[in-house]
N, C-alpha and C. Protein backbone atom coordinates (compact mmCIF):
# COMPACT_ATOMS: atom_id res chain seq x y z
N MET A 1 157.41 52.17 142.38
CA MET A 1 157.99 53.49 142.50
C MET A 1 156.62 54.36 142.80
N ARG A 2 156.99 55.18 143.63
CA ARG A 2 155.93 56.10 144.30
C ARG A 2 156.14 57.29 143.93
N ILE A 3 154.67 57.90 143.53
CA ILE A 3 154.70 59.29 143.01
C ILE A 3 154.39 60.12 144.17
N GLY A 4 155.26 61.27 144.37
CA GLY A 4 155.08 62.21 145.26
C GLY A 4 153.94 63.08 144.94
N LYS A 5 153.71 63.84 146.01
CA LYS A 5 152.58 64.91 146.08
C LYS A 5 152.84 65.92 145.01
N ARG A 6 154.03 66.48 144.84
CA ARG A 6 154.46 67.27 143.98
C ARG A 6 154.24 66.86 142.50
N GLU A 7 154.65 65.59 142.27
CA GLU A 7 154.59 65.13 140.85
C GLU A 7 152.81 64.69 140.65
N MET A 8 152.31 64.30 141.62
CA MET A 8 150.94 64.02 141.59
C MET A 8 149.90 65.50 141.20
N ILE A 9 150.49 66.71 141.68
CA ILE A 9 149.87 67.90 141.30
C ILE A 9 150.25 68.11 139.84
N ILE A 10 151.42 68.03 139.44
CA ILE A 10 152.05 68.18 138.17
C ILE A 10 151.21 67.25 137.11
N LEU A 11 150.95 66.07 137.32
CA LEU A 11 150.21 65.17 136.66
C LEU A 11 148.85 65.59 136.61
N ALA A 12 148.42 66.10 137.45
CA ALA A 12 146.81 66.41 137.47
C ALA A 12 146.78 67.83 136.70
N LEU A 13 147.68 68.66 136.64
CA LEU A 13 147.52 69.94 136.16
C LEU A 13 147.85 69.51 134.69
N ALA A 14 148.62 68.50 134.39
CA ALA A 14 148.64 68.28 132.88
C ALA A 14 147.70 67.46 132.48
N GLY A 15 146.93 66.66 133.13
CA GLY A 15 145.65 66.09 132.85
C GLY A 15 144.84 67.05 132.47
N VAL A 16 144.54 68.07 133.46
CA VAL A 16 143.48 69.21 133.05
C VAL A 16 143.92 69.76 131.94
N ALA A 17 145.04 70.13 131.73
CA ALA A 17 145.65 70.91 130.42
C ALA A 17 145.36 70.08 129.08
N VAL A 18 145.45 68.76 129.22
CA VAL A 18 145.17 67.88 128.06
C VAL A 18 143.78 67.74 127.99
N ALA A 19 142.99 67.63 129.07
CA ALA A 19 141.32 67.55 128.95
C ALA A 19 141.12 69.07 128.49
N GLY A 20 141.44 70.16 128.76
CA GLY A 20 141.27 71.48 128.34
C GLY A 20 141.45 71.55 126.58
N LEU A 21 142.79 70.96 126.39
CA LEU A 21 142.78 70.90 124.91
C LEU A 21 141.95 70.36 124.15
N ILE A 22 141.71 69.23 124.62
CA ILE A 22 140.84 68.15 123.95
C ILE A 22 139.54 68.66 123.95
N TYR A 23 138.84 69.33 124.99
CA TYR A 23 137.60 70.05 124.97
C TYR A 23 137.75 71.26 123.93
N TYR A 24 138.87 71.79 123.98
CA TYR A 24 138.81 73.00 122.89
C TYR A 24 138.71 72.62 121.68
N PHE A 25 139.55 71.67 121.08
CA PHE A 25 139.68 71.36 119.86
C PHE A 25 138.54 70.46 119.36
N LEU A 26 137.94 69.80 120.21
CA LEU A 26 136.71 68.99 119.88
C LEU A 26 135.44 69.44 119.97
N ILE A 27 135.28 70.60 120.94
CA ILE A 27 133.90 70.99 121.18
C ILE A 27 134.09 72.71 120.85
N VAL A 28 134.95 73.52 121.54
CA VAL A 28 134.83 74.94 121.40
C VAL A 28 135.23 75.27 119.94
N SER A 29 136.26 74.93 119.32
CA SER A 29 136.83 75.32 117.97
C SER A 29 135.73 74.91 116.97
N PRO A 30 135.27 73.73 116.60
CA PRO A 30 134.05 73.45 115.75
C PRO A 30 132.79 74.31 116.06
N ALA A 31 132.62 74.54 117.24
CA ALA A 31 131.44 75.34 117.62
C ALA A 31 131.76 76.86 117.12
N LEU A 32 132.77 77.32 117.27
CA LEU A 32 132.98 78.69 116.94
C LEU A 32 133.43 78.81 115.32
N GLU A 33 133.79 77.78 114.69
CA GLU A 33 133.86 77.60 113.20
C GLU A 33 132.25 77.72 112.59
N ARG A 34 131.51 76.82 113.25
CA ARG A 34 130.28 76.78 112.91
C ARG A 34 129.32 78.28 112.95
N GLU A 35 129.73 79.01 114.36
CA GLU A 35 129.03 80.27 114.34
C GLU A 35 129.55 81.20 113.11
N ARG A 36 130.99 81.01 112.77
CA ARG A 36 131.29 81.85 111.81
C ARG A 36 130.63 81.70 110.51
N ASP A 37 130.37 80.38 110.25
CA ASP A 37 129.81 80.10 108.94
C ASP A 37 128.59 80.23 108.96
N LEU A 38 127.75 80.27 109.93
CA LEU A 38 126.34 80.84 110.10
C LEU A 38 126.23 82.01 109.88
N LYS A 39 127.23 82.87 110.47
CA LYS A 39 127.05 84.29 110.30
C LYS A 39 127.13 84.62 108.95
N ARG A 40 128.15 84.09 108.17
CA ARG A 40 128.35 84.13 106.86
C ARG A 40 127.20 83.99 105.85
N TYR A 41 126.56 82.91 106.31
CA TYR A 41 125.31 82.38 105.67
C TYR A 41 124.22 83.48 105.92
N ILE A 42 123.99 83.84 107.01
CA ILE A 42 122.97 84.85 107.29
C ILE A 42 123.26 86.13 106.48
N ALA A 43 124.45 86.47 106.45
CA ALA A 43 124.74 88.02 105.68
C ALA A 43 124.43 87.53 104.15
N SER A 44 124.77 86.31 103.76
CA SER A 44 124.43 86.01 102.22
C SER A 44 123.05 86.09 101.99
N LYS A 45 122.27 85.34 102.72
CA LYS A 45 120.77 85.13 102.73
C LYS A 45 120.26 86.69 102.91
N THR A 46 120.75 87.49 103.70
CA THR A 46 119.98 88.81 103.93
C THR A 46 120.29 89.73 102.57
N ARG A 47 121.53 89.46 101.92
CA ARG A 47 121.72 90.29 100.67
C ARG A 47 120.75 89.56 99.63
N ASP A 48 120.66 88.34 99.66
CA ASP A 48 119.89 87.53 98.78
C ASP A 48 118.35 88.18 99.17
N LEU A 49 117.88 88.33 100.27
CA LEU A 49 116.67 88.73 100.43
C LEU A 49 116.32 90.13 99.95
N ALA A 50 117.42 91.04 100.18
CA ALA A 50 117.46 92.37 99.79
C ALA A 50 117.19 92.71 98.18
N GLU A 51 117.90 91.54 97.42
CA GLU A 51 117.65 91.51 96.01
C GLU A 51 116.51 91.19 95.60
N LEU A 52 115.90 90.22 96.30
CA LEU A 52 114.51 89.47 95.89
C LEU A 52 113.55 90.90 96.24
N LYS A 53 113.68 91.39 97.34
CA LYS A 53 112.73 92.58 97.32
C LYS A 53 112.91 93.63 96.47
N ARG A 54 114.09 93.95 96.04
CA ARG A 54 114.38 94.96 94.88
C ARG A 54 113.81 94.41 93.59
N LEU A 55 113.83 92.99 93.19
CA LEU A 55 113.46 92.73 92.11
C LEU A 55 111.84 92.63 92.05
N GLU A 56 111.15 92.17 93.51
CA GLU A 56 109.85 92.28 93.47
C GLU A 56 109.32 93.69 93.30
N SER A 57 109.93 94.71 93.77
CA SER A 57 109.55 96.21 93.38
C SER A 57 109.71 96.35 91.97
N GLN A 58 110.68 95.78 91.54
CA GLN A 58 110.95 96.29 90.00
C GLN A 58 109.78 95.61 89.20
N TRP A 59 109.43 94.41 89.47
CA TRP A 59 108.31 93.37 88.96
C TRP A 59 107.10 94.16 89.21
N LYS A 60 106.75 94.83 90.30
CA LYS A 60 105.31 95.35 90.50
C LYS A 60 105.26 96.72 89.69
N GLY A 61 106.44 97.29 89.42
CA GLY A 61 106.47 98.65 88.67
C GLY A 61 106.23 98.12 87.18
N MET A 62 106.79 97.20 86.86
CA MET A 62 106.66 96.76 85.48
C MET A 62 105.10 96.25 85.27
N LYS A 63 104.79 95.47 86.21
CA LYS A 63 103.63 94.95 85.93
C LYS A 63 102.43 96.19 86.02
N LYS A 64 102.72 97.10 86.77
CA LYS A 64 101.66 98.09 86.77
C LYS A 64 101.69 99.11 85.62
N ALA A 65 102.93 99.10 84.86
CA ALA A 65 103.05 99.99 83.74
C ALA A 65 102.36 99.34 82.54
N PHE A 66 102.60 97.94 82.58
CA PHE A 66 101.80 97.00 81.65
C PHE A 66 100.22 97.09 81.77
N GLN A 67 99.91 97.26 83.05
CA GLN A 67 98.75 97.31 83.24
C GLN A 67 98.05 98.79 82.58
N GLU A 68 98.88 99.89 82.92
CA GLU A 68 98.38 101.09 82.40
C GLU A 68 98.59 101.15 80.91
N ALA A 69 99.53 100.59 80.26
CA ALA A 69 99.32 100.43 78.86
C ALA A 69 98.29 99.73 78.51
N GLU A 70 98.14 98.67 78.99
CA GLU A 70 96.73 97.73 78.60
C GLU A 70 95.48 98.79 78.79
N ALA A 71 95.26 99.58 79.90
CA ALA A 71 94.17 100.42 80.02
C ALA A 71 94.32 101.62 78.84
N ALA A 72 95.22 101.99 78.41
CA ALA A 72 95.52 103.07 77.58
C ALA A 72 95.10 102.68 76.27
N LEU A 73 95.55 101.17 75.82
CA LEU A 73 95.18 100.66 74.61
C LEU A 73 93.70 100.35 74.60
N GLU A 74 93.00 100.03 75.69
CA GLU A 74 91.57 99.88 75.73
C GLU A 74 90.75 101.13 75.54
N LYS A 75 91.32 102.02 76.24
CA LYS A 75 90.62 103.64 76.05
C LYS A 75 90.85 104.16 74.67
N ARG A 76 91.97 103.88 74.04
CA ARG A 76 92.24 104.14 72.63
C ARG A 76 91.35 103.54 71.82
N GLY A 77 90.84 102.44 72.00
CA GLY A 77 90.11 101.67 70.82
C GLY A 77 90.93 100.68 70.08
N GLY A 78 90.18 99.75 69.37
CA GLY A 78 91.04 98.78 68.42
C GLY A 78 91.33 99.40 67.14
N LYS A 79 90.67 100.39 66.70
CA LYS A 79 91.02 100.90 65.35
C LYS A 79 91.65 101.98 65.24
N PHE A 80 92.71 102.29 66.15
CA PHE A 80 93.69 103.36 66.19
C PHE A 80 94.70 103.22 65.16
N SER A 81 94.80 104.27 64.50
CA SER A 81 96.06 104.29 63.55
C SER A 81 96.85 105.46 63.58
N LEU A 82 98.20 105.02 63.91
CA LEU A 82 99.18 106.20 64.47
C LEU A 82 99.20 107.05 63.25
N LEU A 83 99.15 106.77 61.99
CA LEU A 83 99.34 107.57 60.97
C LEU A 83 98.04 108.62 60.89
N SER A 84 97.05 108.12 61.02
CA SER A 84 95.84 109.11 61.03
C SER A 84 95.72 109.76 62.33
N TYR A 85 96.23 109.35 63.34
CA TYR A 85 96.20 110.21 64.38
C TYR A 85 97.12 111.38 64.24
N LEU A 86 98.22 111.06 63.96
CA LEU A 86 99.39 112.23 63.66
C LEU A 86 98.86 113.27 62.59
N GLU A 87 98.27 112.84 61.57
CA GLU A 87 97.80 113.73 60.63
C GLU A 87 96.62 114.47 60.98
N GLY A 88 95.89 113.92 61.99
CA GLY A 88 94.84 114.61 62.52
C GLY A 88 95.25 115.69 63.51
N ILE A 89 96.13 115.43 64.07
CA ILE A 89 96.83 116.68 65.24
C ILE A 89 97.32 117.43 64.47
N SER A 90 98.19 117.03 63.27
CA SER A 90 98.70 118.11 62.44
C SER A 90 97.72 119.14 61.78
N ARG A 91 96.48 118.80 61.57
CA ARG A 91 95.66 119.62 61.11
C ARG A 91 94.88 120.49 62.16
N GLN A 92 94.90 119.73 63.31
CA GLN A 92 94.33 120.67 64.61
C GLN A 92 95.08 121.78 65.02
N VAL A 93 96.55 121.58 64.80
CA VAL A 93 97.48 122.56 65.18
C VAL A 93 97.79 123.34 64.02
N GLY A 94 97.36 123.09 62.84
CA GLY A 94 97.62 123.74 61.57
C GLY A 94 98.93 123.81 60.90
N ILE A 95 99.37 122.77 60.97
CA ILE A 95 100.50 122.46 60.21
C ILE A 95 100.60 121.41 59.25
N ALA A 96 99.25 121.00 58.84
CA ALA A 96 99.16 119.81 57.97
C ALA A 96 99.80 120.37 56.63
N ASP A 97 99.75 121.31 56.26
CA ASP A 97 100.47 121.60 54.95
C ASP A 97 102.21 121.72 55.10
N LYS A 98 102.49 121.67 56.33
CA LYS A 98 104.11 121.60 56.77
C LYS A 98 104.68 120.41 56.62
N LEU A 99 103.88 119.33 56.43
CA LEU A 99 104.12 117.89 56.77
C LEU A 99 104.83 117.44 55.28
N GLN A 100 106.08 117.13 55.36
CA GLN A 100 107.03 116.71 54.21
C GLN A 100 106.67 115.19 53.99
N TYR A 101 106.72 114.41 54.89
CA TYR A 101 106.44 113.05 54.90
C TYR A 101 106.15 112.49 56.13
N VAL A 102 105.29 111.30 56.31
CA VAL A 102 105.04 110.44 57.36
C VAL A 102 105.31 108.90 57.01
N LYS A 103 106.35 108.31 57.41
CA LYS A 103 106.71 107.08 56.87
C LYS A 103 106.65 106.21 58.04
N PRO A 104 106.44 104.80 57.79
CA PRO A 104 106.45 103.74 59.03
C PRO A 104 107.88 103.53 59.47
N ILE A 105 108.26 103.20 60.66
CA ILE A 105 109.58 102.71 61.08
C ILE A 105 109.23 101.10 61.47
N GLN A 106 110.34 100.55 60.90
CA GLN A 106 110.27 98.86 61.37
C GLN A 106 111.08 98.65 62.65
N TYR A 107 110.20 98.09 63.36
CA TYR A 107 110.95 97.53 64.56
C TYR A 107 111.19 95.93 64.64
N ALA A 108 112.27 95.59 65.27
CA ALA A 108 112.50 94.11 65.46
C ALA A 108 111.08 93.27 66.08
N GLU A 109 110.86 92.20 65.44
CA GLU A 109 109.59 91.50 65.90
C GLU A 109 109.94 90.84 67.49
N GLU A 110 108.77 91.13 68.20
CA GLU A 110 108.87 90.70 69.51
C GLU A 110 107.87 89.77 70.03
N SER A 111 108.03 88.90 70.86
CA SER A 111 107.24 88.10 71.18
C SER A 111 106.38 88.75 72.28
N GLY A 112 105.05 88.37 72.67
CA GLY A 112 104.24 88.94 73.60
C GLY A 112 102.86 89.60 73.00
N SER A 113 102.22 90.03 73.80
CA SER A 113 100.85 90.34 73.39
C SER A 113 100.88 91.98 72.72
N LEU A 114 101.86 92.72 73.02
CA LEU A 114 102.06 93.75 72.40
C LEU A 114 103.37 94.07 71.37
N LYS A 115 103.19 94.85 70.35
CA LYS A 115 104.17 95.17 69.43
C LYS A 115 104.36 96.60 69.18
N GLN A 116 105.62 96.94 68.80
CA GLN A 116 105.89 98.36 68.61
C GLN A 116 105.48 98.71 67.27
N VAL A 117 104.86 99.90 67.10
CA VAL A 117 104.99 100.41 65.50
C VAL A 117 105.36 102.01 65.73
N GLY A 118 105.79 102.48 64.76
CA GLY A 118 106.31 104.08 64.62
C GLY A 118 106.25 104.60 63.74
N MET A 119 106.40 105.86 63.50
CA MET A 119 106.19 106.53 62.27
C MET A 119 107.20 107.75 62.61
N GLU A 120 107.97 108.10 61.35
CA GLU A 120 109.07 109.14 61.11
C GLU A 120 108.28 110.23 60.47
N VAL A 121 108.12 111.48 61.04
CA VAL A 121 107.47 112.54 60.61
C VAL A 121 108.46 113.64 60.31
N LYS A 122 108.48 114.28 59.20
CA LYS A 122 109.40 115.60 58.91
C LYS A 122 108.33 116.66 58.64
N LEU A 123 108.70 117.74 59.47
CA LEU A 123 107.81 118.94 59.24
C LEU A 123 108.99 120.05 58.76
N GLU A 124 108.46 120.90 57.99
CA GLU A 124 109.33 122.01 57.31
C GLU A 124 108.66 123.30 57.48
N ASP A 125 109.53 124.33 57.85
CA ASP A 125 108.91 125.57 57.81
C ASP A 125 107.81 125.93 59.04
N ILE A 126 108.13 125.44 60.21
CA ILE A 126 107.30 125.62 61.05
C ILE A 126 107.84 126.53 62.20
N ASP A 127 107.08 127.15 63.00
CA ASP A 127 107.69 127.81 64.27
C ASP A 127 107.52 127.19 65.56
N LEU A 128 108.09 127.68 66.44
CA LEU A 128 108.57 126.96 67.63
C LEU A 128 107.01 126.80 68.34
N SER A 129 106.21 127.83 68.29
CA SER A 129 104.72 127.57 69.07
C SER A 129 104.09 126.44 68.38
N GLN A 130 104.03 126.30 67.06
CA GLN A 130 103.56 125.14 66.46
C GLN A 130 104.10 123.92 66.53
N LEU A 131 105.57 123.73 66.96
CA LEU A 131 106.14 122.62 67.26
C LEU A 131 105.61 122.05 68.53
N VAL A 132 105.75 123.02 69.75
CA VAL A 132 105.20 122.95 70.89
C VAL A 132 103.91 122.32 71.10
N ALA A 133 102.98 122.93 70.45
CA ALA A 133 101.66 122.33 70.39
C ALA A 133 101.62 120.97 69.62
N TYR A 134 102.32 120.72 68.73
CA TYR A 134 102.23 119.39 68.27
C TYR A 134 102.84 118.49 69.07
N LEU A 135 104.03 118.54 69.65
CA LEU A 135 104.66 117.82 70.65
C LEU A 135 103.81 117.70 71.83
N TYR A 136 103.08 118.74 72.29
CA TYR A 136 102.29 118.36 73.55
C TYR A 136 101.08 117.57 73.04
N ARG A 137 100.53 117.72 71.92
CA ARG A 137 99.19 116.84 71.56
C ARG A 137 99.77 115.28 71.59
N ILE A 138 101.03 115.16 71.29
CA ILE A 138 101.60 113.70 70.95
C ILE A 138 101.63 113.19 72.41
N GLU A 139 102.63 113.86 73.10
CA GLU A 139 103.20 113.36 74.38
C GLU A 139 101.97 113.27 75.44
N TYR A 140 100.80 114.11 75.46
CA TYR A 140 99.72 114.07 76.49
C TYR A 140 98.52 113.82 75.92
N ALA A 141 98.46 112.99 74.88
CA ALA A 141 97.40 112.63 74.26
C ALA A 141 96.66 111.40 75.14
N GLY A 142 97.34 110.71 76.05
CA GLY A 142 96.65 109.78 76.66
C GLY A 142 96.52 108.41 75.56
N LYS A 143 97.40 108.36 74.64
CA LYS A 143 97.17 107.34 73.65
C LYS A 143 98.29 106.23 73.37
N LEU A 144 99.21 106.38 74.50
CA LEU A 144 100.32 105.60 74.67
C LEU A 144 101.29 105.86 73.72
N LEU A 145 101.35 107.07 73.29
CA LEU A 145 102.57 107.66 72.23
C LEU A 145 103.85 108.12 72.94
N ASP A 146 105.06 107.60 72.43
CA ASP A 146 106.20 108.29 72.85
C ASP A 146 107.00 108.80 71.83
N ILE A 147 107.59 109.88 72.17
CA ILE A 147 108.55 110.62 71.13
C ILE A 147 109.85 110.03 71.39
N GLU A 148 110.23 109.20 70.40
CA GLU A 148 111.60 108.46 70.59
C GLU A 148 112.70 109.16 70.35
N LYS A 149 112.65 110.00 69.29
CA LYS A 149 113.63 110.76 68.90
C LYS A 149 113.17 112.18 68.30
N ILE A 150 113.93 113.20 68.35
CA ILE A 150 113.50 114.54 67.68
C ILE A 150 114.94 115.09 67.20
N LYS A 151 114.67 115.72 65.91
CA LYS A 151 115.89 116.43 65.51
C LYS A 151 115.14 117.87 64.90
N VAL A 152 115.81 118.82 65.43
CA VAL A 152 115.26 120.13 65.32
C VAL A 152 116.41 120.98 64.49
N GLN A 153 116.22 121.70 63.40
CA GLN A 153 117.12 122.45 62.87
C GLN A 153 116.54 123.71 62.52
N ARG A 154 117.27 124.78 62.67
CA ARG A 154 117.10 126.11 62.36
C ARG A 154 117.18 126.36 60.99
N VAL A 155 116.42 127.05 60.36
CA VAL A 155 116.42 127.32 58.75
C VAL A 155 116.27 128.70 58.87
N GLU A 156 117.29 129.42 58.14
CA GLU A 156 117.26 130.95 57.93
C GLU A 156 116.74 131.11 56.59
N ARG A 157 115.82 132.08 56.38
CA ARG A 157 115.06 132.41 55.09
C ARG A 157 115.85 133.55 54.52
N ARG A 158 115.44 133.81 53.26
CA ARG A 158 116.17 135.08 52.57
C ARG A 158 115.74 136.04 53.23
N ASP A 159 114.54 136.35 53.86
CA ASP A 159 114.23 137.80 54.20
C ASP A 159 114.74 137.78 55.63
N GLY A 160 115.60 137.06 56.42
CA GLY A 160 116.17 137.35 57.70
C GLY A 160 115.35 136.40 58.66
N SER A 161 114.19 136.05 58.54
CA SER A 161 113.54 135.42 59.47
C SER A 161 113.81 133.94 59.38
N SER A 162 113.54 133.26 60.44
CA SER A 162 113.92 131.81 60.36
C SER A 162 112.62 130.96 60.93
N SER A 163 112.75 129.91 60.45
CA SER A 163 112.05 128.41 60.75
C SER A 163 112.63 127.49 61.32
N LEU A 164 111.75 126.36 61.54
CA LEU A 164 112.31 124.98 61.95
C LEU A 164 112.14 124.03 60.98
N ARG A 165 112.97 123.14 60.79
CA ARG A 165 112.90 121.98 60.33
C ARG A 165 112.94 120.66 61.32
N VAL A 166 111.97 119.94 61.40
CA VAL A 166 111.82 118.86 62.40
C VAL A 166 111.33 117.50 61.90
N ILE A 167 112.46 116.63 62.37
CA ILE A 167 112.25 115.29 62.26
C ILE A 167 112.00 114.55 63.54
N LEU A 168 110.76 113.75 63.69
CA LEU A 168 110.22 113.27 64.94
C LEU A 168 110.30 111.73 64.51
N ARG A 169 110.59 110.85 65.53
CA ARG A 169 110.37 109.66 65.64
C ARG A 169 109.43 109.24 66.67
N ILE A 170 108.05 108.68 66.49
CA ILE A 170 106.93 108.60 67.25
C ILE A 170 106.60 107.10 67.20
N ARG A 171 106.61 106.45 68.34
CA ARG A 171 106.20 105.03 68.55
C ARG A 171 105.06 104.85 69.57
N THR A 172 104.42 103.90 69.39
CA THR A 172 103.11 103.43 70.20
C THR A 172 103.39 101.76 70.27
N TYR A 173 102.44 101.26 71.02
CA TYR A 173 102.08 99.68 70.98
C TYR A 173 100.78 99.51 70.66
N VAL A 174 100.76 98.33 69.73
CA VAL A 174 99.42 97.93 69.51
C VAL A 174 99.46 96.27 69.69
N ARG A 175 98.24 95.80 69.97
CA ARG A 175 98.09 94.52 70.34
C ARG A 175 98.50 93.60 69.04
N SER A 176 99.19 92.56 69.35
CA SER A 176 99.67 91.79 68.18
C SER A 176 98.62 90.89 67.69
N ALA A 177 98.50 90.62 66.48
CA ALA A 177 97.52 89.94 65.83
C ALA A 177 97.48 88.64 65.97
């Protein structure tokens, strides 16, 4: 049986089509799939890198804050007592007689080189200027003090004037023994 010119062209075109399909399914399609996989991988790793940079920045900030706290502890000295300091500034501000109580606050035990200590202070019959002066001396002392909580109540007197009743929670850090 003899194949004619027309059939030969059809067979050649069919062969080219089959070869093209084989080439597409064995070479092009896997390459395109691999390219999509690599693009997803690159996007994933780009997000991971951004997260690592954010964590690095956060770590550096925490490390800097810790170093500043260590420096403040060094500057403050080893014999610092929060109770003595609070009583001292209450005398400086002129409200030592307004102190109702100063009692320690218990915090959960923490591991590490620093531990939290705190005091709750109740002041009775003070005015706003005295409170501001007292808070300023606590907050800007450079002694690593933090006003954790403050409760201020206005108290009316019988003569029509008013004063403040204040409860403060003040904390600081000390080196663990």
